[in-house]
Protein backbone atom coordinates (compact mmCIF):
# COMPACT_ATOMS: atom_id res chain seq x y z
CA MET A 1 10.57 47.15 34.26
CA GLY A 2 8.59 43.85 33.38
CA ALA A 3 5.77 41.86 34.78
CA ALA A 4 12.19 36.02 35.96
CA GLY A 5 14.79 29.16 38.17
CA ARG A 6 16.43 27.01 36.46
CA HIS A 7 16.98 26.19 32.81
CA LEU A 8 14.97 22.98 32.17
CA PRO A 9 17.48 21.37 30.67
CA ARG A 10 16.56 19.67 27.08
CA ALA A 11 16.64 16.63 25.47
CA ALA A 12 19.82 16.12 22.45
CA GLU A 13 18.19 16.36 19.71
CA PRO A 14 19.31 12.99 17.14
CA ASP A 15 21.53 13.04 14.20
CA LEU A 16 18.58 11.18 12.63
CA SER A 17 20.35 9.90 9.14
CA GLY A 18 21.83 7.31 12.09
CA PRO A 19 21.13 4.06 13.28
CA GLY A 20 18.70 5.57 15.79
CA LEU A 21 15.85 6.40 14.33
CA LYS A 22 14.71 3.87 10.66
CA ALA A 23 12.12 3.87 8.22
CA GLU A 24 9.48 0.91 8.27
CA ARG A 25 7.61 0.67 5.62
CA THR A 26 6.06 3.35 4.76
CA THR A 27 4.11 4.89 7.72
CA VAL A 28 5.65 3.66 11.06
CA THR A 29 8.83 3.74 12.02
CA ILE A 30 11.26 2.44 14.90
CA ILE A 31 12.63 5.15 16.92
CA ASN A 32 15.20 4.11 19.49
CA PRO A 33 17.09 7.84 19.71
CA PRO A 34 20.64 7.08 20.99
CA THR A 35 20.18 9.90 23.92
CA VAL A 36 18.89 6.66 26.10
CA TRP A 37 20.04 3.39 26.68
CA THR A 38 20.85 0.96 23.94
CA VAL A 39 17.93 -1.63 23.06
CA PRO A 40 20.87 -5.13 23.74
CA GLU A 41 21.27 -7.23 20.50
CA PRO A 42 19.22 -10.10 21.49
CA PHE A 43 15.96 -8.26 22.21
CA ARG A 44 16.49 -5.89 19.18
CA THR A 45 13.63 -8.07 17.20
CA ILE A 46 10.74 -7.45 19.78
CA TYR A 47 11.79 -4.26 21.92
CA THR A 48 12.35 -0.59 20.19
CA HIS A 49 11.75 2.14 22.61
CA ALA A 50 8.93 3.37 20.01
CA ARG A 51 7.61 3.94 17.40
CA ALA A 52 5.59 6.68 15.59
CA ALA A 53 2.77 6.29 13.73
CA GLN A 54 2.21 8.25 10.01
CA PRO A 55 5.66 10.45 11.34
CA GLY A 56 4.95 13.41 13.06
CA ARG A 57 1.63 12.64 13.81
CA THR A 58 1.19 9.68 16.78
CA LEU A 59 4.73 8.53 19.01
CA PHE A 60 3.63 5.43 21.11
CA VAL A 61 7.16 5.49 23.74
CA SER A 62 7.67 1.84 25.20
CA GLY A 63 7.71 2.11 29.25
CA GLN A 64 10.78 3.78 30.47
CA PHE A 65 13.23 2.76 32.90
CA GLY A 66 15.46 4.96 35.18
CA VAL A 67 18.64 3.31 33.21
CA ALA A 68 21.21 6.07 31.71
CA PRO A 69 22.56 5.94 28.45
CA ASP A 70 25.59 4.08 29.85
CA GLY A 71 22.81 0.90 30.67
CA ARG A 72 23.45 1.89 34.82
CA MET A 73 20.46 1.76 36.44
CA HIS A 74 19.68 4.88 39.04
CA GLU A 75 19.62 4.21 42.65
CA GLY A 76 16.24 5.69 44.68
CA PHE A 77 12.90 6.61 43.51
CA ALA A 78 13.64 10.13 42.89
CA ASP A 79 16.62 9.82 40.50
CA GLN A 80 14.98 7.31 38.56
CA LEU A 81 11.65 8.76 38.17
CA ALA A 82 13.89 12.01 36.58
CA ARG A 83 15.90 9.54 34.13
CA ALA A 84 13.06 7.98 33.21
CA MET A 85 11.40 10.76 32.30
CA ASP A 86 14.91 11.80 30.37
CA ASN A 87 14.52 9.10 28.60
CA VAL A 88 10.87 9.84 27.72
CA GLU A 89 11.45 13.83 26.22
CA ALA A 90 14.95 12.38 24.91
CA THR A 91 12.18 9.92 22.95
CA LEU A 92 9.69 12.56 21.90
CA ALA A 93 12.82 15.20 20.90
CA ALA A 94 13.69 12.04 18.30
CA ALA A 95 10.53 11.72 16.61
CA GLY A 96 9.74 16.32 16.85
CA MET A 97 7.74 16.39 19.43
CA ARG A 98 7.78 17.89 22.45
CA LEU A 99 5.76 17.15 26.18
CA PRO A 100 2.61 19.07 25.24
CA ASP A 101 2.25 16.63 22.81
CA VAL A 102 1.87 13.86 25.36
CA ALA A 103 -1.68 12.49 25.53
CA LYS A 104 -1.97 9.94 27.51
CA ALA A 105 0.58 8.81 30.23
CA THR A 106 1.60 5.83 32.81
CA PHE A 107 2.77 5.43 35.67
CA PHE A 108 4.00 2.25 37.42
CA LEU A 109 4.66 1.99 40.70
CA THR A 110 6.49 -0.80 43.29
CA ARG A 111 5.75 1.08 46.57
CA ALA A 112 2.52 3.51 47.16
CA GLY A 113 4.70 5.51 49.34
CA ASP A 114 6.23 7.10 46.13
CA LEU A 115 3.16 8.87 45.70
CA PRO A 116 3.48 11.83 47.06
CA MET A 117 6.93 12.73 45.45
CA LEU A 118 5.40 11.49 41.82
CA GLY A 119 3.06 13.73 41.96
CA GLN A 120 5.61 16.39 42.94
CA VAL A 121 8.43 15.56 40.53
CA ARG A 122 5.61 15.30 37.69
CA ARG A 123 3.44 19.14 38.41
CA ALA A 124 7.91 20.89 37.90
CA ARG A 125 8.89 19.30 34.55
CA TRP A 126 5.06 17.62 33.37
CA ALA A 127 2.29 20.48 34.37
CA SER A 128 1.21 21.60 31.29
CA GLU A 129 -2.73 23.97 30.67
CA ALA A 130 -3.60 20.97 28.53
CA PRO A 131 -2.10 17.95 30.90
CA ALA A 132 -2.13 14.51 29.20
CA ALA A 133 -4.68 11.71 30.53
CA VAL A 134 -3.15 9.84 33.52
CA THR A 135 -3.31 6.44 35.01
CA VAL A 136 -0.79 5.76 37.57
CA LEU A 137 -0.70 2.14 38.99
CA VAL A 138 0.78 0.63 41.75
CA VAL A 139 2.08 -2.77 41.25
CA ALA A 140 3.62 -6.03 42.59
CA GLY A 141 7.17 -5.74 40.40
CA LEU A 142 8.28 -4.72 37.35
CA ALA A 143 10.21 -6.69 34.58
CA ARG A 144 13.83 -5.58 36.35
CA PRO A 145 13.90 -5.96 40.27
CA ASP A 146 15.55 -3.06 40.58
CA ALA A 147 12.94 -0.91 38.70
CA LEU A 148 10.74 1.54 41.19
CA VAL A 149 9.27 3.13 38.23
CA GLU A 150 8.52 2.58 34.75
CA VAL A 151 7.13 5.39 32.61
CA GLU A 152 5.24 4.92 29.74
CA VAL A 153 3.05 7.42 27.12
CA THR A 154 1.30 7.91 23.95
CA ALA A 155 2.08 11.60 21.78
CA VAL A 156 0.06 13.26 18.87
CA ALA A 157 1.33 15.92 17.64
CA ALA A 158 -1.82 17.16 15.10
CA ASP A 159 -5.29 16.85 14.68
CA PRO A 160 -6.79 14.69 11.65
CA ASP A 161 -6.63 18.19 10.33
CA GLY A 162 -3.13 18.79 10.02
CA HIS A 163 -3.88 21.86 13.45
CA VAL A 164 -0.36 22.13 15.11
CA PRO A 165 -2.06 22.65 18.55
CA ASP A 166 0.41 25.39 20.54
CA ARG A 167 3.03 24.39 22.54
CA LEU A 168 4.23 25.19 25.70
CA ARG A 169 8.06 24.63 26.29
CA SER A 170 11.67 25.75 28.17
CA ALA A 171 13.61 28.57 25.88
CA THR A 172 17.12 27.42 24.91
CA LYS A 173 20.14 30.40 23.56
CA GLU A 174 19.29 29.11 20.29
CA ASP A 175 15.66 31.57 21.28
CA VAL A 176 17.78 34.26 22.29
CA PRO A 177 16.98 36.30 19.26
CA ARG A 178 13.24 35.61 19.36
CA ILE A 179 13.07 36.81 22.89
CA GLU A 180 14.51 39.63 22.05
CA ALA A 181 12.13 40.07 19.24
CA LEU A 182 9.24 39.37 21.03
CA VAL A 183 9.95 41.70 23.45
CA GLN A 184 11.07 44.40 21.21
CA THR A 185 7.03 44.00 20.16
CA ALA A 186 5.48 44.07 22.66
CA TYR A 187 6.84 46.45 24.93
CA ALA A 188 6.93 48.94 21.63
CA THR A 189 3.25 50.37 22.81
CA TRP A 190 4.83 51.72 26.59
CA VAL A 191 7.78 53.62 25.09
CA PRO A 192 5.52 57.10 24.12
CA ILE A 193 3.54 56.84 27.53
CA ILE A 194 6.85 56.24 29.70
CA GLY A 195 9.24 58.76 27.73
CA ARG A 196 11.74 55.26 27.18
CA GLU A 197 12.28 52.45 26.38
CA PRO A 198 10.70 50.21 29.35
CA THR A 199 13.45 47.97 31.47
CA PRO A 200 12.61 44.53 29.04
CA MET A 201 13.90 46.36 25.91
CA THR A 202 16.83 46.87 27.30
CA ALA A 203 17.90 43.30 29.34
CA ASP A 204 20.04 41.54 28.07
CA TYR A 205 18.28 38.23 26.93
CA ALA A 206 21.27 35.90 26.00
CA LEU A 207 22.86 36.08 29.88
CA ALA A 208 18.91 35.34 31.51
CA VAL A 209 17.94 32.74 29.59
CA ARG A 210 21.29 30.97 30.92
CA THR A 211 20.67 32.15 34.70
CA ASN A 212 16.42 32.47 34.63
CA ARG A 213 14.09 30.27 33.26
CA PHE A 214 12.37 31.47 30.46
CA ASP A 215 8.55 29.16 28.84
CA LEU A 216 7.70 30.16 25.60
CA LEU A 217 4.40 29.74 24.21
CA GLU A 218 5.05 29.00 20.46
CA ARG A 219 1.67 28.97 17.83
CA ASP A 220 2.24 27.88 13.90
CA GLY A 221 5.80 27.55 15.25
CA ALA A 222 5.69 31.23 15.56
CA LEU A 223 6.57 32.57 19.52
CA VAL A 224 3.56 34.69 20.51
CA ALA A 225 3.94 34.77 24.31
CA LEU A 226 6.68 34.43 27.14
CA VAL A 227 7.04 34.12 31.31
CA GLU A 228 10.65 34.64 32.32
CA THR A 229 10.55 33.55 36.25
CA ILE A 230 13.12 33.47 39.62
CA PRO A 231 12.76 31.31 42.39
CA ARG A 232 13.13 33.37 45.52
CA ALA A 233 13.66 31.78 49.59
CA ASP A 234 9.59 32.17 50.30
CA HIS A 235 8.17 33.47 46.38
CA LEU A 236 8.05 33.50 42.67
CA TRP A 237 8.99 36.10 40.82
CA ILE A 238 7.75 36.88 37.35
CA GLU A 239 10.58 39.00 35.99
CA ASN A 240 8.73 39.19 32.29
CA LEU A 241 4.96 38.21 30.85
CA ALA A 242 5.02 39.32 27.22
CA VAL A 243 2.65 38.12 24.59
CA SER A 244 2.81 39.19 20.83
CA PRO A 245 0.73 42.29 19.63
CA ALA A 246 -1.10 39.75 17.42
CA CYS A 247 -2.17 38.32 19.96
CA HIS A 248 -3.83 39.74 22.37
CA GLY A 249 -7.63 38.77 23.20
CA GLN A 250 -6.83 35.62 23.51
CA GLY A 251 -5.71 34.65 26.68
CA LEU A 252 -2.79 34.18 26.88
CA GLY A 253 -1.42 36.27 29.39
CA ARG A 254 -3.70 34.58 31.47
CA ARG A 255 -2.74 30.71 30.43
CA MET A 256 0.90 31.82 30.98
CA LEU A 257 0.20 33.81 34.32
CA ARG A 258 -1.57 30.67 34.81
CA HIS A 259 1.92 28.80 34.11
CA ALA A 260 3.85 30.75 36.39
CA GLU A 261 1.77 30.08 39.52
CA ASP A 262 1.99 26.19 38.84
CA MET A 263 4.66 26.75 38.74
CA ALA A 264 5.33 28.74 41.77
CA ARG A 265 2.85 25.71 43.37
CA ALA A 266 5.95 23.24 42.14
CA LEU A 267 8.50 24.56 43.87
CA GLY A 268 6.06 25.01 47.05
CA HIS A 269 5.68 28.45 47.51
CA MET A 270 2.27 29.90 47.67
CA THR A 271 3.08 33.33 46.63
CA VAL A 272 3.65 35.01 43.18
CA ARG A 273 5.35 38.16 43.26
CA LEU A 274 5.96 40.89 39.95
CA GLY A 275 6.54 44.59 39.26
CA THR A 276 4.87 46.87 36.78
CA ASN A 277 4.74 50.48 36.06
CA GLN A 278 1.68 53.24 37.60
CA ALA A 279 1.76 54.93 33.61
CA PHE A 280 0.87 50.76 32.71
CA ALA A 281 -3.03 50.97 33.70
CA GLY A 282 -3.41 47.97 31.43
CA ASN A 283 -1.65 45.74 32.77
CA VAL A 284 -1.83 47.20 36.32
CA ASP A 285 -5.24 46.35 36.00
CA PHE A 286 -4.75 42.76 34.69
CA TYR A 287 -2.81 41.44 37.46
CA ARG A 288 -5.86 42.72 39.85
CA ARG A 289 -8.15 41.09 37.63
CA ALA A 290 -5.81 37.55 38.13
CA GLY A 291 -5.92 38.45 42.11
CA PHE A 292 -3.22 40.31 43.09
CA VAL A 293 -2.65 42.75 45.23
CA VAL A 294 -0.28 46.13 45.15
CA GLU A 295 2.27 45.62 47.72
CA ARG A 296 3.94 48.98 47.30
CA GLU A 297 4.15 51.80 45.27
CA GLU A 298 7.98 53.56 45.34
CA PRO A 299 9.93 55.91 42.29
CA PHE A 300 11.21 53.71 39.68
CA ARG A 301 13.01 55.95 37.18
CA GLY A 302 11.28 59.38 37.28
CA GLY A 303 8.08 57.32 37.28
CA VAL A 304 6.70 55.08 39.57
CA GLY A 305 6.95 51.50 39.85
CA ILE A 306 4.08 49.12 41.53
CA TYR A 307 5.01 46.26 43.41
CA LEU A 308 2.11 43.12 43.89
CA SER A 309 1.86 39.98 45.06
CA LYS A 310 -0.75 36.76 44.58
CA THR A 311 -1.63 34.49 47.19
CA LEU A 312 -2.19 31.38 45.57
């Protein structure tokens, strides 16, 4: 028993050998990924979706509308915002970056009444332990009369010393072997204590990644922590929270737990629940110190299962 939403779509990886990415001089690249609407010929000398300075370091993404790859503008604020954010994510992916690399985001709205929806969508899709600096402007109009929102970001992939920051991202099916390896390592210490493999060590992660939401924390390319969540009718259930033993004592468990709590709030839930084994005394103490309370205890596979909850 570990301590498990829908999988967030990941922008398609572009073919960097094609026309979507073109080198300009030696330190700057123009980025027009094929997963974003094609820049019309008359505008190609005055507009690009993004430019990367010192490739792999800083990316300047042009303001994105809710325009699909076929050039069609979505209708309604929510749909336009979702598509504009998709375009930003696709452009980041084309530059080899991810959402945690976004340092500054600016949102332009034409209607003040859409501010609550903007906040809700941002918390659901772009919440982060290290959120970007944000500016929100309500303007009289945008370049396209049918546009209700425009999103512009600047991303920074590494600090001046070349250190790559931790990355928190959603899992894909390609991550299954790494997830399995982390779980095996994280739970191995409990095998001699309960006399069997804990439930997370025997789970089918190929299936779980398709049905549950996994958020992965990467450090220097290695998977160091994960949290698996499942939305329920009135709460968010944490199916699994695992941290690499090599990173114990660095606050990563609490970091992933806070991330799960933020996801619960974004879903409109004010309660988070999870279960663990009574024999996992260190885990039980960790959750209690994080504000969880025991709801019930009951027999579980020859031991005692403890079910905890936290009101946010």
